[in-house]
Every structure is written in structure tokens, then in C-alpha cells.
Amino acid sequence: MTSRVMAILADEDQLKVTVKSSGYGGLIAGITTTIGGLVAGPPGLLVGGALGGALAYSSAGNFQACFSSSQGYECSR
């Protein structure tokens, strides 16, 4: 029981990195999609979303999804 609690507390920092990185990527994708929609309407949403997704992916760095931690991996950067 104690080792389980210690493992959860140790993963908290990695979880913060994952949440922060995911939020940053979502913000980038959302802003570029909104700008695309304002500039070019529905086609702009498509282009802005695609470009924003690519930009978010390229700036995301190296972190793992949190569901990986349930499979024995850590959420880390």
C-alpha cells in the first residue's frame, strides 16, 4: 500500500508536465483555427486547424500520454 502511494506521488510531477504540454498544444491549435476561421471562413478553419495541429506537434517536445502510466510507463518529458 505504501509503495503504491509513493508511486502516485512520484508521478505527480510527470503528470504536471504532460498536462502543461498538452494544454500548450491545444492552445496553439485553437488559436490558429480561430484565426483561420476569422480570415477565410470554413475553409480557414480547416487550414488553420491543420497548420495549428502541425505547429503544436512540432513544439510539443517529448512527453508521454498519461494512460501510458497505467501500463507501467511514466508520464515524463
PDB file of N, CA and C in Angstrom:
ATOM      1  N   MET A   1       0.834  -1.192   0.000  1.00  0.00           N
ATOM      2  CA  MET A   1       0.000   0.000   0.000  1.00  0.00           C
ATOM      3  C   MET A   1       0.875   1.251   0.000  1.00  0.00           C
ATOM      4  N   THR A   2       1.892   1.284   0.840  1.00  0.00           N
ATOM      5  CA  THR A   2       2.765   2.442   0.932  1.00  0.00           C
ATOM      6  C   THR A   2       3.520   2.671  -0.372  1.00  0.00           C
ATOM      7  N   SER A   3       3.966   1.586  -1.018  1.00  0.00           N
ATOM      8  CA  SER A   3       4.691   1.739  -2.279  1.00  0.00           C
ATOM      9  C   SER A   3       3.780   2.299  -3.360  1.00  0.00           C
ATOM     10  N   ARG A   4       2.508   1.959  -3.333  1.00  0.00           N
ATOM     11  CA  ARG A   4       1.532   2.491  -4.312  1.00  0.00           C
ATOM     12  C   ARG A   4       1.358   3.999  -4.116  1.00  0.00           C
ATOM     13  N   VAL A   5       1.247   4.436  -2.889  1.00  0.00           N
ATOM     14  CA  VAL A   5       1.107   5.866  -2.589  1.00  0.00           C
ATOM     15  C   VAL A   5       2.358   6.622  -3.035  1.00  0.00           C
ATOM     16  N   MET A   6       3.521   6.061  -2.769  1.00  0.00           N
ATOM     17  CA  MET A   6       4.778   6.701  -3.180  1.00  0.00           C
ATOM     18  C   MET A   6       4.876   6.798  -4.699  1.00  0.00           C
ATOM     19  N   ALA A   7       4.414   5.778  -5.400  1.00  0.00           N
ATOM     20  CA  ALA A   7       4.445   5.795  -6.863  1.00  0.00           C
ATOM     21  C   ALA A   7       3.519   6.879  -7.410  1.00  0.00           C
ATOM     22  N   ILE A   8       2.364   7.034  -6.803  1.00  0.00           N
ATOM     23  CA  ILE A   8       1.422   8.078  -7.245  1.00  0.00           C
ATOM     24  C   ILE A   8       2.024   9.454  -7.017  1.00  0.00           C
ATOM     25  N   LEU A   9       2.632   9.681  -5.852  1.00  0.00           N
ATOM     26  CA  LEU A   9       3.241  10.977  -5.567  1.00  0.00           C
ATOM     27  C   LEU A   9       4.422  11.263  -6.486  1.00  0.00           C
ATOM     28  N   ALA A  10       5.184  10.248  -6.842  1.00  0.00           N
ATOM     29  CA  ALA A  10       6.325  10.435  -7.740  1.00  0.00           C
ATOM     30  C   ALA A  10       5.866  10.794  -9.137  1.00  0.00           C
ATOM     31  N   ASP A  11       4.732  10.250  -9.558  1.00  0.00           N
ATOM     32  CA  ASP A  11       4.222  10.518 -10.897  1.00  0.00           C
ATOM     33  C   ASP A  11       3.557  11.888 -11.012  1.00  0.00           C
ATOM     34  N   GLU A  12       3.321  12.573  -9.903  1.00  0.00           N
ATOM     35  CA  GLU A  12       2.620  13.852  -9.945  1.00  0.00           C
ATOM     36  C   GLU A  12       3.381  14.884 -10.766  1.00  0.00           C
ATOM     37  N   ASP A  13       4.700  14.950 -10.639  1.00  0.00           N
ATOM     38  CA  ASP A  13       5.477  15.908 -11.418  1.00  0.00           C
ATOM     39  C   ASP A  13       5.412  15.585 -12.901  1.00  0.00           C
ATOM     40  N   GLN A  14       5.495  14.311 -13.261  1.00  0.00           N
ATOM     41  CA  GLN A  14       5.392  13.939 -14.664  1.00  0.00           C
ATOM     42  C   GLN A  14       4.003  14.254 -15.207  1.00  0.00           C
ATOM     43  N   LEU A  15       2.994  14.089 -14.373  1.00  0.00           N
ATOM     44  CA  LEU A  15       1.632  14.405 -14.789  1.00  0.00           C
ATOM     45  C   LEU A  15       1.500  15.898 -15.076  1.00  0.00           C
ATOM     46  N   LYS A  16       2.116  16.734 -14.255  1.00  0.00           N
ATOM     47  CA  LYS A  16       2.084  18.179 -14.482  1.00  0.00           C
ATOM     48  C   LYS A  16       2.714  18.532 -15.815  1.00  0.00           C
ATOM     49  N   VAL A  17       3.821  17.889 -16.169  1.00  0.00           N
ATOM     50  CA  VAL A  17       4.484  18.138 -17.451  1.00  0.00           C
ATOM     51  C   VAL A  17       3.565  17.751 -18.603  1.00  0.00           C
ATOM     52  N   THR A  18       2.910  16.607 -18.474  1.00  0.00           N
ATOM     53  CA  THR A  18       2.016  16.142 -19.522  1.00  0.00           C
ATOM     54  C   THR A  18       0.838  17.087 -19.702  1.00  0.00           C
ATOM     55  N   VAL A  19       0.221  17.499 -18.609  1.00  0.00           N
ATOM     56  CA  VAL A  19      -0.933  18.401 -18.679  1.00  0.00           C
ATOM     57  C   VAL A  19      -0.518  19.748 -19.250  1.00  0.00           C
ATOM     58  N   LYS A  20       0.612  20.281 -18.817  1.00  0.00           N
ATOM     59  CA  LYS A  20       1.079  21.570 -19.304  1.00  0.00           C
ATOM     60  C   LYS A  20       1.383  21.504 -20.800  1.00  0.00           C
ATOM     61  N   SER A  21       2.079  20.468 -21.230  1.00  0.00           N
ATOM     62  CA  SER A  21       2.432  20.339 -22.644  1.00  0.00           C
ATOM     63  C   SER A  21       1.194  20.143 -23.514  1.00  0.00           C
ATOM     64  N   SER A  22       0.246  19.361 -23.043  1.00  0.00           N
ATOM     65  CA  SER A  22      -0.985  19.133 -23.793  1.00  0.00           C
ATOM     66  C   SER A  22      -1.824  20.407 -23.877  1.00  0.00           C
ATOM     67  N   GLY A  23      -1.895  21.139 -22.789  1.00  0.00           N
ATOM     68  CA  GLY A  23      -2.629  22.408 -22.793  1.00  0.00           C
ATOM     69  C   GLY A  23      -2.027  23.418 -23.726  1.00  0.00           C
ATOM     70  N   TYR A  24      -0.694  23.485 -23.752  1.00  0.00           N
ATOM     71  CA  TYR A  24       0.000  24.410 -24.648  1.00  0.00           C
ATOM     72  C   TYR A  24      -0.271  24.050 -26.110  1.00  0.00           C
ATOM     73  N   GLY A  25      -0.224  22.767 -26.428  1.00  0.00           N
ATOM     74  CA  GLY A  25      -0.509  22.324 -27.790  1.00  0.00           C
ATOM     75  C   GLY A  25      -1.938  22.629 -28.190  1.00  0.00           C
ATOM     76  N   GLY A  26      -2.871  22.407 -27.281  1.00  0.00           N
ATOM     77  CA  GLY A  26      -4.273  22.714 -27.553  1.00  0.00           C
ATOM     78  C   GLY A  26      -4.515  24.201 -27.752  1.00  0.00           C
ATOM     79  N   LEU A  27      -3.799  25.006 -26.993  1.00  0.00           N
ATOM     80  CA  LEU A  27      -3.921  26.459 -27.139  1.00  0.00           C
ATOM     81  C   LEU A  27      -3.431  26.909 -28.512  1.00  0.00           C
ATOM     82  N   ILE A  28      -2.290  26.389 -28.933  1.00  0.00           N
ATOM     83  CA  ILE A  28      -1.751  26.735 -30.247  1.00  0.00           C
ATOM     84  C   ILE A  28      -2.731  26.332 -31.350  1.00  0.00           C
ATOM     85  N   ALA A  29      -3.221  25.096 -31.285  1.00  0.00           N
ATOM     86  CA  ALA A  29      -4.149  24.605 -32.303  1.00  0.00           C
ATOM     87  C   ALA A  29      -5.445  25.429 -32.306  1.00  0.00           C
ATOM     88  N   GLY A  30      -5.944  25.762 -31.137  1.00  0.00           N
ATOM     89  CA  GLY A  30      -7.175  26.543 -31.046  1.00  0.00           C
ATOM     90  C   GLY A  30      -7.029  27.953 -31.581  1.00  0.00           C
ATOM     91  N   ILE A  31      -5.919  28.597 -31.268  1.00  0.00           N
ATOM     92  CA  ILE A  31      -5.699  29.968 -31.747  1.00  0.00           C
ATOM     93  C   ILE A  31      -5.570  29.997 -33.261  1.00  0.00           C
ATOM     94  N   THR A  32      -4.794  29.084 -33.826  1.00  0.00           N
ATOM     95  CA  THR A  32      -4.631  29.090 -35.283  1.00  0.00           C
ATOM     96  C   THR A  32      -5.927  28.718 -36.000  1.00  0.00           C
ATOM     97  N   THR A  33      -6.728  27.847 -35.428  1.00  0.00           N
ATOM     98  CA  THR A  33      -8.020  27.506 -36.018  1.00  0.00           C
ATOM     99  C   THR A  33      -8.956  28.699 -35.990  1.00  0.00           C
ATOM    100  N   THR A  34      -8.979  29.414 -34.893  1.00  0.00           N
ATOM    101  CA  THR A  34      -9.823  30.601 -34.778  1.00  0.00           C
ATOM    102  C   THR A  34      -9.404  31.678 -35.770  1.00  0.00           C
ATOM    103  N   ILE A  35      -8.112  31.921 -35.863  1.00  0.00           N
ATOM    104  CA  ILE A  35      -7.615  32.928 -36.813  1.00  0.00           C
ATOM    105  C   ILE A  35      -7.959  32.524 -38.246  1.00  0.00           C
ATOM    106  N   GLY A  36      -7.768  31.247 -38.570  1.00  0.00           N
ATOM    107  CA  GLY A  36      -8.124  30.765 -39.906  1.00  0.00           C
ATOM    108  C   GLY A  36      -9.591  30.964 -40.204  1.00  0.00           C
ATOM    109  N   GLY A  37     -10.454  30.689 -39.236  1.00  0.00           N
ATOM    110  CA  GLY A  37     -11.892  30.887 -39.420  1.00  0.00           C
ATOM    111  C   GLY A  37     -12.263  32.340 -39.596  1.00  0.00           C
ATOM    112  N   LEU A  38     -11.617  33.232 -38.857  1.00  0.00           N
ATOM    113  CA  LEU A  38     -11.904  34.656 -38.986  1.00  0.00           C
ATOM    114  C   LEU A  38     -11.453  35.210 -40.335  1.00  0.00           C
ATOM    115  N   VAL A  39     -10.335  34.704 -40.837  1.00  0.00           N
ATOM    116  CA  VAL A  39      -9.769  35.215 -42.084  1.00  0.00           C
ATOM    117  C   VAL A  39     -10.470  34.638 -43.308  1.00  0.00           C
ATOM    118  N   ALA A  40     -10.746  33.328 -43.297  1.00  0.00           N
ATOM    119  CA  ALA A  40     -11.229  32.691 -44.518  1.00  0.00           C
ATOM    120  C   ALA A  40     -12.509  31.879 -44.339  1.00  0.00           C
ATOM    121  N   GLY A  41     -13.178  31.994 -43.229  1.00  0.00           N
ATOM    122  CA  GLY A  41     -14.416  31.253 -43.026  1.00  0.00           C
ATOM    123  C   GLY A  41     -14.168  29.772 -42.818  1.00  0.00           C
ATOM    124  N   PRO A  42     -15.143  28.936 -43.230  1.00  0.00           N
ATOM    125  CA  PRO A  42     -14.997  27.490 -43.028  1.00  0.00           C
ATOM    126  C   PRO A  42     -13.729  26.871 -43.634  1.00  0.00           C
ATOM    127  N   PRO A  43     -13.312  27.253 -44.842  1.00  0.00           N
ATOM    128  CA  PRO A  43     -12.048  26.699 -45.333  1.00  0.00           C
ATOM    129  C   PRO A  43     -10.854  27.120 -44.459  1.00  0.00           C
ATOM    130  N   GLY A  44     -10.931  28.299 -43.881  1.00  0.00           N
ATOM    131  CA  GLY A  44      -9.888  28.777 -42.986  1.00  0.00           C
ATOM    132  C   GLY A  44      -9.814  27.960 -41.715  1.00  0.00           C
ATOM    133  N   LEU A  45     -10.977  27.457 -41.244  1.00  0.00           N
ATOM    134  CA  LEU A  45     -10.979  26.576 -40.083  1.00  0.00           C
ATOM    135  C   LEU A  45     -10.197  25.300 -40.382  1.00  0.00           C
ATOM    136  N   LEU A  46     -10.414  24.775 -41.581  1.00  0.00           N
ATOM    137  CA  LEU A  46      -9.704  23.565 -41.975  1.00  0.00           C
ATOM    138  C   LEU A  46      -8.203  23.804 -42.060  1.00  0.00           C
ATOM    139  N   VAL A  47      -7.816  24.854 -42.754  1.00  0.00           N
ATOM    140  CA  VAL A  47      -6.388  25.150 -42.928  1.00  0.00           C
ATOM    141  C   VAL A  47      -5.754  25.550 -41.592  1.00  0.00           C
ATOM    142  N   GLY A  48      -6.419  26.396 -40.836  1.00  0.00           N
ATOM    143  CA  GLY A  48      -5.896  26.828 -39.547  1.00  0.00           C
ATOM    144  C   GLY A  48      -5.752  25.676 -38.567  1.00  0.00           C
ATOM    145  N   GLY A  49      -6.725  24.757 -38.577  1.00  0.00           N
ATOM    146  CA  GLY A  49      -6.649  23.593 -37.707  1.00  0.00           C
ATOM    147  C   GLY A  49      -5.502  22.668 -38.083  1.00  0.00           C
ATOM    148  N   ALA A  50      -5.323  22.469 -39.387  1.00  0.00           N
ATOM    149  CA  ALA A  50      -4.234  21.598 -39.845  1.00  0.00           C
ATOM    150  C   ALA A  50      -2.875  22.210 -39.526  1.00  0.00           C
ATOM    151  N   LEU A  51      -2.728  23.489 -39.821  1.00  0.00           N
ATOM    152  CA  LEU A  51      -1.452  24.157 -39.536  1.00  0.00           C
ATOM    153  C   LEU A  51      -1.201  24.248 -38.031  1.00  0.00           C
ATOM    154  N   GLY A  52      -2.233  24.553 -37.285  1.00  0.00           N
ATOM    155  CA  GLY A  52      -2.089  24.631 -35.834  1.00  0.00           C
ATOM    156  C   GLY A  52      -1.752  23.295 -35.214  1.00  0.00           C
ATOM    157  N   GLY A  53      -2.371  22.231 -35.721  1.00  0.00           N
ATOM    158  CA  GLY A  53      -2.049  20.897 -35.224  1.00  0.00           C
ATOM    159  C   GLY A  53      -0.607  20.512 -35.506  1.00  0.00           C
ATOM    160  N   ALA A  54      -0.144  20.846 -36.712  1.00  0.00           N
ATOM    161  CA  ALA A  54       1.251  20.558 -37.071  1.00  0.00           C
ATOM    162  C   ALA A  54       2.215  21.380 -36.219  1.00  0.00           C
ATOM    163  N   LEU A  55       1.876  22.646 -36.001  1.00  0.00           N
ATOM    164  CA  LEU A  55       2.725  23.508 -35.178  1.00  0.00           C
ATOM    165  C   LEU A  55       2.749  23.027 -33.731  1.00  0.00           C
ATOM    166  N   ALA A  56       1.610  22.648 -33.208  1.00  0.00           N
ATOM    167  CA  ALA A  56       1.545  22.135 -31.837  1.00  0.00           C
ATOM    168  C   ALA A  56       2.350  20.849 -31.702  1.00  0.00           C
ATOM    169  N   TYR A  57       2.267  19.991 -32.693  1.00  0.00           N
ATOM    170  CA  TYR A  57       3.028  18.739 -32.667  1.00  0.00           C
ATOM    171  C   TYR A  57       4.529  19.006 -32.685  1.00  0.00           C
ATOM    172  N   SER A  58       4.944  19.947 -33.523  1.00  0.00           N
ATOM    173  CA  SER A  58       6.376  20.217 -33.642  1.00  0.00           C
ATOM    174  C   SER A  58       6.944  20.901 -32.399  1.00  0.00           C
ATOM    175  N   SER A  59       6.122  21.621 -31.666  1.00  0.00           N
ATOM    176  CA  SER A  59       6.614  22.332 -30.486  1.00  0.00           C
ATOM    177  C   SER A  59       6.344  21.568 -29.184  1.00  0.00           C
ATOM    178  N   ALA A  60       5.746  20.385 -29.282  1.00  0.00           N
ATOM    179  CA  ALA A  60       5.320  19.659 -28.085  1.00  0.00           C
ATOM    180  C   ALA A  60       6.472  19.096 -27.275  1.00  0.00           C
ATOM    181  N   GLY A  61       7.577  18.828 -27.875  1.00  0.00           N
ATOM    182  CA  GLY A  61       8.667  18.212 -27.124  1.00  0.00           C
ATOM    183  C   GLY A  61       8.429  16.726 -26.969  1.00  0.00           C
ATOM    184  N   ASN A  62       8.988  16.161 -25.924  1.00  0.00           N
ATOM    185  CA  ASN A  62       8.913  14.723 -25.722  1.00  0.00           C
ATOM    186  C   ASN A  62       8.223  14.425 -24.395  1.00  0.00           C
ATOM    187  N   PHE A  63       6.966  14.060 -24.455  1.00  0.00           N
ATOM    188  CA  PHE A  63       6.242  13.634 -23.266  1.00  0.00           C
ATOM    189  C   PHE A  63       5.314  12.500 -23.653  1.00  0.00           C
ATOM    190  N   GLN A  64       4.909  11.725 -22.678  1.00  0.00           N
ATOM    191  CA  GLN A  64       4.045  10.582 -22.944  1.00  0.00           C
ATOM    192  C   GLN A  64       2.643  10.851 -22.449  1.00  0.00           C
ATOM    193  N   ALA A  65       1.698  10.193 -23.076  1.00  0.00           N
ATOM    194  CA  ALA A  65       0.309  10.296 -22.653  1.00  0.00           C
ATOM    195  C   ALA A  65       0.150   9.671 -21.268  1.00  0.00           C
ATOM    196  N   CYS A  66      -0.787  10.165 -20.509  1.00  0.00           N
ATOM    197  CA  CYS A  66      -0.970   9.682 -19.137  1.00  0.00           C
ATOM    198  C   CYS A  66      -1.483   8.263 -19.067  1.00  0.00           C
ATOM    199  N   PHE A  67      -2.219   7.816 -20.059  1.00  0.00           N
ATOM    200  CA  PHE A  67      -2.696   6.443 -19.993  1.00  0.00           C
ATOM    201  C   PHE A  67      -1.542   5.452 -20.063  1.00  0.00           C
ATOM    202  N   SER A  68      -0.392   5.892 -20.538  1.00  0.00           N
ATOM    203  CA  SER A  68       0.786   5.032 -20.575  1.00  0.00           C
ATOM    204  C   SER A  68       1.249   4.673 -19.173  1.00  0.00           C
ATOM    205  N   SER A  69       1.015   5.554 -18.212  1.00  0.00           N
ATOM    206  CA  SER A  69       1.464   5.283 -16.846  1.00  0.00           C
ATOM    207  C   SER A  69       0.707   4.115 -16.236  1.00  0.00           C
ATOM    208  N   SER A  70      -0.509   3.874 -16.679  1.00  0.00           N
ATOM    209  CA  SER A  70      -1.248   2.733 -16.167  1.00  0.00           C
ATOM    210  C   SER A  70      -0.717   1.420 -16.734  1.00  0.00           C
ATOM    211  N   GLN A  71       0.095   1.511 -17.785  1.00  0.00           N
ATOM    212  CA  GLN A  71       0.683   0.327 -18.393  1.00  0.00           C
ATOM    213  C   GLN A  71       2.135   0.145 -17.959  1.00  0.00           C
ATOM    214  N   GLY A  72       2.554   0.867 -16.948  1.00  0.00           N
ATOM    215  CA  GLY A  72       3.901   0.716 -16.432  1.00  0.00           C
ATOM    216  C   GLY A  72       4.865   1.773 -16.913  1.00  0.00           C
ATOM    217  N   TYR A  73       4.412   2.691 -17.743  1.00  0.00           N
ATOM    218  CA  TYR A  73       5.271   3.779 -18.212  1.00  0.00           C
ATOM    219  C   TYR A  73       4.993   5.015 -17.375  1.00  0.00           C
ATOM    220  N   GLU A  74       5.887   5.979 -17.451  1.00  0.00           N
ATOM    221  CA  GLU A  74       5.693   7.224 -16.719  1.00  0.00           C
ATOM    222  C   GLU A  74       5.295   8.324 -17.683  1.00  0.00           C
ATOM    223  N   CYS A  75       4.535   9.286 -17.194  1.00  0.00           N
ATOM    224  CA  CYS A  75       4.250  10.500 -17.951  1.00  0.00           C
ATOM    225  C   CYS A  75       5.446  11.415 -17.736  1.00  0.00           C
ATOM    226  N   SER A  76       6.317  11.498 -18.705  1.00  0.00           N
ATOM    227  CA  SER A  76       7.520  12.283 -18.490  1.00  0.00           C
ATOM    228  C   SER A  76       7.884  13.078 -19.723  1.00  0.00           C
ATOM    229  N   ARG A  77       8.752  14.018 -19.526  1.00  0.00           N
ATOM    230  CA  ARG A  77       9.200  14.886 -20.613  1.00  0.00           C
ATOM    231  C   ARG A  77      10.605  14.492 -20.973  1.00  0.00           C
TER     232      ARG A  77
END
